[in-house]
Every structure is written in structure tokens, then in C-alpha cells.
Amino acid sequence: MPTFVSMFTSSEGEKEVLCAYQAIMDKWTPPYKELTISTSFGETHVIASGPEDAPPVVLLHALLASAMSWYRNVDALSQSYRVYAVDVIGEGNKSRPVKPITSLDDFLHWFTEVIDGLGIDTLYLAGNSYGGFTGAYYAMKLPERIRKLVLIGPAATIYKMRPFYTHMFIPKAIYGFFPKVPGVKRVMQNSVDWMHKGLPRDPLWEPLFYNSMVYGGLINQVFPRMYSKEEFAQIKAKVLLILGDKEAIYNDLYSAIQSARELIPNVKVEIISAAHHITAVANPEKVNQKLLEFFAE
């Protein structure tokens, strides 16, 4: 039997996260199957919805956001596609790692094992934040398998993101080292508040994300970075960049858009109104519309 690494700060914390996770699963509107894909890095949890013979769409979430961050998108997408919402391994979700991912090529190895295990040949891929950062790499290295690529507020990837490190990554790291220091949970709440930029909270996903920030662990060792124009040139798929108008991780949103246009040939850019970093949660109707239009082109 493999020895799995716990991805939670405590057993009580794990219960808090998984309880909030299940509350969203109870509202997962289309019929679904929960799948476990064995990989070199552990067991990966995947939620599959939609017709089994439909074109596959793979969804990769933001750091600590879990597959549940797509719960308001799967119904619309699964009308025409076989949708796979993946719990990225190495984070506090329902996947169970046995060792950390330490390089982008490790991530590529893991992702290839996941889609092979799902029986997927070619696919449409959408990734939010960290899922966009890794998703871009998969499209570079698997150009014949990724048919279309959607980057939703990708972490670094196209532009520097110092605000993210200041307001979210560093506070999370401090909490990881000093979880019992008074007031640290308040710091975590401040990080979540910063990301939302005053926009309304989703009543189901919000408790899960906060609990994941407080109690969820991280063992992967790959920091997001910008890719070069030469790296982006390896991508053969059409690329759609979706950004919320309240996106805050970049130093400047419109400079990030300009940088993306310089780096990615023929990139299509869509700005989603009333949307923050987890754009598909903030304004799912508009994101669903843009995804469906892009996949159908």
C-alpha cells in the first residue's frame, strides 16, 4: 500500500475542508462520476460529467481552490462536452499524493498520466490561475493533444504578479509555519477579502476556499513564472485569455493584456465584468458563454 501524504494541518481541519467540499458536491447539478486515477505522484480525484462520447474538456483549478471552483460551470459545459474537473494533486483536496511535484516536467508527467488514465486522446483545456500556468506548459509540450487552451487569470505566465505574493502567498506561507500565532486566521481572511475586491461572495464556494486557505497544505515545489515568446510559440492550439475586470494578481491588468498579446500569437482576450481572480465563480454565466463560444468555433 502506498504511503499517502496528509494535505491538511490537522484531522479537524481536514473535516472542515471536506465538509465544505461535500456541501458543493450536493449542489453539483449534472449527473457525475467520481474517478480515482493512479499516477506516479499518488491518486488523483476527478469529477466527470456530461455524455461519455462527447468531446472532452479538462478543468484545472487555482491554487487551493479545488475542483469545486467549477461547480457553476459544469452544467452548461456538460450539455455538449464530457467535462473532467480535476483536483490538482499536492494540495488540500480529495486527491492523495505520495510525493511532491518538484518541476514543470513532473507536472507534465502527472497530467499525462491523468489524461491517459481517463482514456483521453485530444482535449480542450481550461485552467485558472496556477491551473492556467501549468496548463500553458501542457499545451507547449503536448501540442498534438491540446486542441484549444483557455487561460483564466493565469498565475504569472503572461506578466509579473507581485501583488499575489504580497497579499496571498506570503500570508499563507507564514500561516503554514506559525498556525497557532494569535490573529493569523484573520490574516488569511484578509487575503481572501483582498482577492474579492468587494464583489459578492459565493455562499457555497466561499467557506471551502477559506477553510482550504486555513487548513489546506501544499507540497508541490514549482513557483509560477512568465513564459517566453519562444515557449509560447510551441503551442499549436488556439488560445483564449479570460480576465476578470477586478483581477488583482498582476501589477497592472492592462499591461498584462498587452504582454499577453505580444507573447501569444493571435491570442483572443475577453474581459469579464464583475469578476475577480476566481472568475468562473464570480461571473459564471459570462464565463460559460465565452467558453462555449470558443470551444464551438
Protein backbone atom coordinates (compact mmCIF):
# COMPACT_ATOMS: atom_id res chain seq x y z
CA MET A 1 0.00 0.00 0.00
CA PRO A 2 1.32 3.48 -0.84
CA THR A 3 2.00 5.91 1.98
CA PHE A 4 -0.09 9.00 1.30
CA VAL A 5 0.99 12.45 2.48
CA SER A 6 -1.63 14.29 4.52
CA MET A 7 -2.52 17.59 2.85
CA PHE A 8 -4.18 19.17 5.89
CA THR A 9 -2.87 20.86 9.01
CA SER A 10 -4.94 18.59 11.27
CA SER A 11 -7.63 15.91 11.15
CA GLU A 12 -10.13 18.52 12.35
CA GLY A 13 -9.07 20.85 9.56
CA GLU A 14 -9.47 18.07 7.01
CA LYS A 15 -13.03 17.52 8.23
CA GLU A 16 -13.78 21.24 7.84
CA VAL A 17 -12.48 21.30 4.27
CA LEU A 18 -14.15 18.07 3.15
CA CYS A 19 -17.46 19.07 4.75
CA ALA A 20 -17.46 22.32 2.76
CA TYR A 21 -16.38 20.34 -0.33
CA GLN A 22 -19.30 17.93 0.08
CA ALA A 23 -21.75 20.80 0.50
CA ILE A 24 -20.88 21.86 -3.05
CA MET A 25 -20.93 18.30 -4.39
CA ASP A 26 -24.51 18.10 -3.10
CA LYS A 27 -25.33 21.00 -5.44
CA TRP A 28 -23.41 19.62 -8.47
CA THR A 29 -26.31 19.80 -10.88
CA PRO A 30 -25.44 17.41 -13.74
CA PRO A 31 -25.08 13.67 -13.09
CA TYR A 32 -21.46 12.84 -12.33
CA LYS A 33 -18.96 10.13 -11.52
CA GLU A 34 -16.09 10.48 -9.07
CA LEU A 35 -12.98 8.85 -10.52
CA THR A 36 -9.64 7.97 -8.97
CA ILE A 37 -6.68 7.97 -11.37
CA SER A 38 -3.47 6.35 -10.14
CA THR A 39 -0.31 8.24 -11.06
CA SER A 40 3.36 8.24 -10.10
CA PHE A 41 2.58 11.07 -7.65
CA GLY A 42 -0.44 9.48 -5.98
CA GLU A 43 -4.16 9.15 -6.53
CA THR A 44 -5.85 11.97 -8.44
CA HIS A 45 -9.52 12.69 -7.82
CA VAL A 46 -11.55 13.67 -10.90
CA ILE A 47 -15.25 14.51 -11.29
CA ALA A 48 -16.68 13.56 -14.69
CA SER A 49 -19.94 14.98 -16.07
CA GLY A 50 -21.62 15.01 -19.47
CA PRO A 51 -22.03 12.47 -22.30
CA GLU A 52 -19.21 9.92 -22.33
CA ASP A 53 -18.86 10.15 -26.12
CA ALA A 54 -18.76 13.98 -26.22
CA PRO A 55 -15.53 15.94 -26.81
CA PRO A 56 -13.54 16.14 -23.54
CA VAL A 57 -12.93 19.34 -21.59
CA VAL A 58 -10.43 19.24 -18.71
CA LEU A 59 -10.65 21.92 -16.00
CA LEU A 60 -7.68 22.82 -13.75
CA HIS A 61 -8.37 24.99 -10.71
CA ALA A 62 -6.47 27.79 -8.98
CA LEU A 63 -4.17 27.12 -6.03
CA LEU A 64 -6.21 25.69 -3.12
CA ALA A 65 -9.45 26.40 -4.99
CA SER A 66 -10.19 22.69 -5.69
CA ALA A 67 -12.31 21.20 -8.46
CA MET A 68 -15.34 22.67 -6.69
CA SER A 69 -14.47 26.11 -8.07
CA TRP A 70 -16.05 24.92 -11.36
CA TYR A 71 -19.38 23.91 -9.85
CA ARG A 72 -21.25 26.78 -11.50
CA ASN A 73 -19.80 25.93 -14.92
CA VAL A 74 -20.20 22.17 -15.28
CA ASP A 75 -23.92 22.21 -16.00
CA ALA A 76 -23.58 24.48 -19.04
CA LEU A 77 -20.43 22.76 -20.31
CA SER A 78 -21.67 19.21 -19.84
CA GLN A 79 -24.59 19.75 -22.19
CA SER A 80 -22.19 19.40 -25.11
CA TYR A 81 -18.92 18.10 -23.61
CA ARG A 82 -17.54 15.40 -21.35
CA VAL A 83 -16.21 17.57 -18.53
CA TYR A 84 -13.44 16.48 -16.18
CA ALA A 85 -12.89 18.70 -13.12
CA VAL A 86 -9.54 17.67 -11.64
CA ASP A 87 -8.39 18.05 -8.04
CA VAL A 88 -4.76 19.00 -8.66
CA ILE A 89 -2.56 16.67 -6.65
CA GLY A 90 -0.35 18.05 -3.87
CA GLU A 91 -2.98 20.42 -2.43
CA GLY A 92 -5.65 20.18 0.28
CA ASN A 93 -8.43 18.50 -1.71
CA LYS A 94 -9.63 14.93 -2.42
CA SER A 95 -6.51 13.83 -4.33
CA ARG A 96 -3.95 11.91 -2.26
CA PRO A 97 -0.27 12.47 -3.04
CA VAL A 98 2.62 10.19 -2.18
CA LYS A 99 5.36 12.71 -3.02
CA PRO A 100 5.72 16.33 -4.16
CA ILE A 101 5.90 17.59 -7.71
CA THR A 102 9.22 19.44 -7.98
CA SER A 103 9.38 20.62 -11.62
CA LEU A 104 7.19 21.52 -14.56
CA ASP A 105 8.23 18.25 -16.20
CA ASP A 106 6.93 16.44 -13.10
CA PHE A 107 3.64 18.25 -13.60
CA LEU A 108 3.65 17.24 -17.27
CA HIS A 109 4.28 13.61 -16.28
CA TRP A 110 1.40 13.74 -13.78
CA PHE A 111 -1.01 15.40 -16.23
CA THR A 112 -0.16 12.94 -19.00
CA GLU A 113 -0.83 10.04 -16.64
CA VAL A 114 -4.17 11.60 -15.67
CA ILE A 115 -5.47 12.09 -19.20
CA ASP A 116 -4.13 8.69 -20.27
CA GLY A 117 -5.88 7.16 -17.26
CA LEU A 118 -9.11 8.88 -18.32
CA GLY A 119 -8.73 7.48 -21.83
CA ILE A 120 -8.47 10.94 -23.39
CA ASP A 121 -6.61 11.40 -26.66
CA THR A 122 -7.18 15.07 -27.52
CA LEU A 123 -8.95 17.66 -25.38
CA TYR A 124 -9.95 21.22 -24.68
CA LEU A 125 -8.15 22.56 -21.61
CA ALA A 126 -9.12 25.41 -19.29
CA GLY A 127 -7.01 26.47 -16.32
CA ASN A 128 -7.49 29.18 -13.72
CA SER A 129 -4.50 30.87 -12.04
CA TYR A 130 -1.98 28.12 -11.16
CA GLY A 131 -4.02 25.79 -13.37
CA GLY A 132 -3.50 28.25 -16.23
CA PHE A 133 0.23 28.42 -15.56
CA THR A 134 0.63 24.63 -15.71
CA GLY A 135 -1.99 24.31 -18.48
CA ALA A 136 0.07 26.55 -20.74
CA TYR A 137 3.05 24.25 -20.20
CA TYR A 138 0.99 21.19 -21.08
CA ALA A 139 -0.10 22.87 -24.32
CA MET A 140 3.55 23.63 -25.13
CA LYS A 141 4.69 20.08 -24.55
CA LEU A 142 1.61 18.22 -25.84
CA PRO A 143 0.76 20.30 -28.91
CA GLU A 144 -0.97 17.43 -30.70
CA ARG A 145 -3.23 16.65 -27.74
CA ILE A 146 -4.39 20.08 -26.55
CA ARG A 147 -6.87 21.29 -29.17
CA LYS A 148 -7.80 24.59 -27.51
CA LEU A 149 -6.44 26.35 -24.43
CA VAL A 150 -8.23 28.74 -22.09
CA LEU A 151 -6.15 30.72 -19.59
CA ILE A 152 -8.25 32.32 -16.85
CA GLY A 153 -6.24 34.81 -14.80
CA PRO A 154 -3.12 32.65 -15.22
CA ALA A 155 -0.58 32.88 -12.39
CA ALA A 156 2.44 34.78 -13.79
CA THR A 157 2.55 33.08 -17.25
CA ILE A 158 1.99 36.34 -19.16
CA TYR A 159 3.02 39.02 -16.65
CA LYS A 160 4.59 39.56 -13.23
CA MET A 161 2.33 39.17 -10.21
CA ARG A 162 3.91 40.75 -7.14
CA PRO A 163 0.53 41.64 -5.57
CA PHE A 164 -0.35 37.94 -5.38
CA TYR A 165 2.81 37.16 -3.41
CA THR A 166 2.29 40.13 -1.10
CA HIS A 167 -1.38 39.58 -0.33
CA MET A 168 -1.87 35.80 -0.62
CA PHE A 169 1.24 33.63 -0.95
CA ILE A 170 3.35 35.18 1.81
CA PRO A 171 0.46 35.26 4.34
CA LYS A 172 -0.31 31.61 3.54
CA ALA A 173 3.36 30.68 3.98
CA ILE A 174 3.52 32.48 7.34
CA TYR A 175 0.41 30.67 8.49
CA GLY A 176 1.91 27.36 7.39
CA PHE A 177 4.91 27.93 9.66
CA PHE A 178 3.06 29.55 12.58
CA PRO A 179 -0.53 28.24 12.56
CA LYS A 180 -1.11 28.91 16.27
CA VAL A 181 0.04 32.52 16.40
CA PRO A 182 -2.89 34.73 17.53
CA GLY A 183 -4.50 36.65 14.70
CA VAL A 184 -3.12 34.51 11.86
CA LYS A 185 -6.59 33.34 10.80
CA ARG A 186 -7.53 36.99 10.47
CA VAL A 187 -4.59 37.39 8.10
CA MET A 188 -5.98 34.54 6.00
CA GLN A 189 -9.37 36.25 5.91
CA ASN A 190 -7.70 39.48 4.80
CA SER A 191 -6.09 37.58 1.92
CA VAL A 192 -9.45 36.22 0.79
CA ASP A 193 -11.02 39.67 1.13
CA TRP A 194 -8.24 41.20 -0.97
CA MET A 195 -8.85 38.73 -3.78
CA HIS A 196 -12.59 39.51 -3.91
CA LYS A 197 -12.17 43.27 -4.34
CA GLY A 198 -15.54 43.97 -2.74
CA LEU A 199 -17.52 41.69 -5.05
CA PRO A 200 -20.31 39.45 -3.68
CA ARG A 201 -19.31 36.13 -2.09
CA ASP A 202 -20.46 32.76 -3.34
CA PRO A 203 -22.24 31.19 -0.34
CA LEU A 204 -21.07 27.64 -1.10
CA TRP A 205 -17.58 28.04 -2.51
CA GLU A 206 -16.52 30.80 -0.11
CA PRO A 207 -16.42 28.61 3.04
CA LEU A 208 -14.48 25.93 1.14
CA PHE A 209 -11.84 28.37 -0.12
CA TYR A 210 -11.37 29.98 3.27
CA ASN A 211 -11.09 26.60 5.00
CA SER A 212 -8.66 25.44 2.33
CA MET A 213 -6.53 28.53 2.91
CA VAL A 214 -6.54 27.92 6.67
CA TYR A 215 -6.30 24.12 6.83
CA GLY A 216 -5.05 23.01 3.42
CA GLY A 217 -1.46 22.04 2.80
CA LEU A 218 0.84 22.47 -0.20
CA ILE A 219 3.73 20.16 -1.04
CA ASN A 220 4.46 20.94 -4.70
CA GLN A 221 7.61 22.98 -5.30
CA VAL A 222 7.02 24.78 -8.59
CA PHE A 223 6.67 28.56 -8.50
CA PRO A 224 4.79 30.27 -11.34
CA ARG A 225 6.87 32.30 -13.77
CA MET A 226 6.41 34.16 -17.03
CA TYR A 227 6.96 32.15 -20.20
CA SER A 228 8.95 33.47 -23.14
CA LYS A 229 7.69 34.18 -26.62
CA GLU A 230 9.70 31.19 -27.83
CA GLU A 231 7.97 28.93 -25.31
CA PHE A 232 4.51 30.17 -26.27
CA ALA A 233 5.39 29.53 -29.93
CA GLN A 234 5.35 25.80 -29.14
CA ILE A 235 1.58 25.96 -28.57
CA LYS A 236 -0.39 24.87 -31.63
CA ALA A 237 -3.82 25.30 -30.03
CA LYS A 238 -5.92 28.43 -30.27
CA VAL A 239 -5.64 30.38 -27.01
CA LEU A 240 -8.33 32.33 -25.16
CA LEU A 241 -7.31 34.59 -22.26
CA ILE A 242 -10.11 35.41 -19.80
CA LEU A 243 -9.57 38.08 -17.15
CA GLY A 244 -11.96 39.48 -14.58
CA ASP A 245 -12.21 43.25 -14.57
CA LYS A 246 -11.36 43.12 -10.84
CA GLU A 247 -8.36 40.83 -11.34
CA ALA A 248 -5.75 41.86 -8.80
CA ILE A 249 -2.80 39.44 -9.04
CA TYR A 250 -0.91 41.43 -11.69
CA ASN A 251 0.94 44.68 -11.20
CA ASP A 252 -1.32 46.21 -13.83
CA LEU A 253 -4.20 44.47 -15.62
CA TYR A 254 -3.93 46.25 -18.95
CA SER A 255 -0.17 45.88 -19.09
CA ALA A 256 -0.77 42.16 -18.57
CA ILE A 257 -3.14 42.14 -21.55
CA GLN A 258 -0.60 43.94 -23.72
CA SER A 259 2.10 41.50 -22.64
CA ALA A 260 -0.13 38.53 -23.49
CA ARG A 261 -0.74 39.91 -26.97
CA GLU A 262 3.00 40.30 -27.51
CA LEU A 263 3.81 36.81 -26.22
CA ILE A 264 0.99 34.68 -27.65
CA PRO A 265 0.31 34.81 -31.40
CA ASN A 266 -3.36 35.50 -32.20
CA VAL A 267 -4.49 35.25 -28.58
CA LYS A 268 -8.14 36.14 -28.05
CA VAL A 269 -8.79 38.26 -24.93
CA GLU A 270 -12.07 38.54 -23.04
CA ILE A 271 -12.64 40.82 -20.04
CA ILE A 272 -15.39 39.59 -17.72
CA SER A 273 -17.29 42.26 -15.81
CA ALA A 274 -17.89 41.98 -12.06
CA ALA A 275 -15.31 39.21 -11.73
CA HIS A 276 -12.27 38.64 -9.53
CA HIS A 277 -9.40 36.14 -9.72
CA ILE A 278 -11.65 33.06 -9.47
CA THR A 279 -13.54 34.39 -12.47
CA ALA A 280 -15.71 31.34 -13.14
CA VAL A 281 -17.12 31.58 -9.61
CA ALA A 282 -17.60 35.36 -9.71
CA ASN A 283 -19.47 35.57 -13.04
CA PRO A 284 -20.23 32.03 -14.22
CA GLU A 285 -22.86 32.96 -16.80
CA LYS A 286 -20.49 35.15 -18.78
CA VAL A 287 -17.58 32.74 -18.44
CA ASN A 288 -19.77 29.85 -19.59
CA GLN A 289 -20.83 31.87 -22.62
CA LYS A 290 -17.24 32.66 -23.58
CA LEU A 291 -16.06 29.08 -23.08
CA LEU A 292 -18.87 27.59 -25.16
CA GLU A 293 -18.36 30.11 -27.96
CA PHE A 294 -14.61 29.45 -28.02
CA PHE A 295 -14.91 25.66 -28.00
CA ALA A 296 -17.56 25.76 -30.74
CA GLU A 297 -15.53 27.97 -33.11
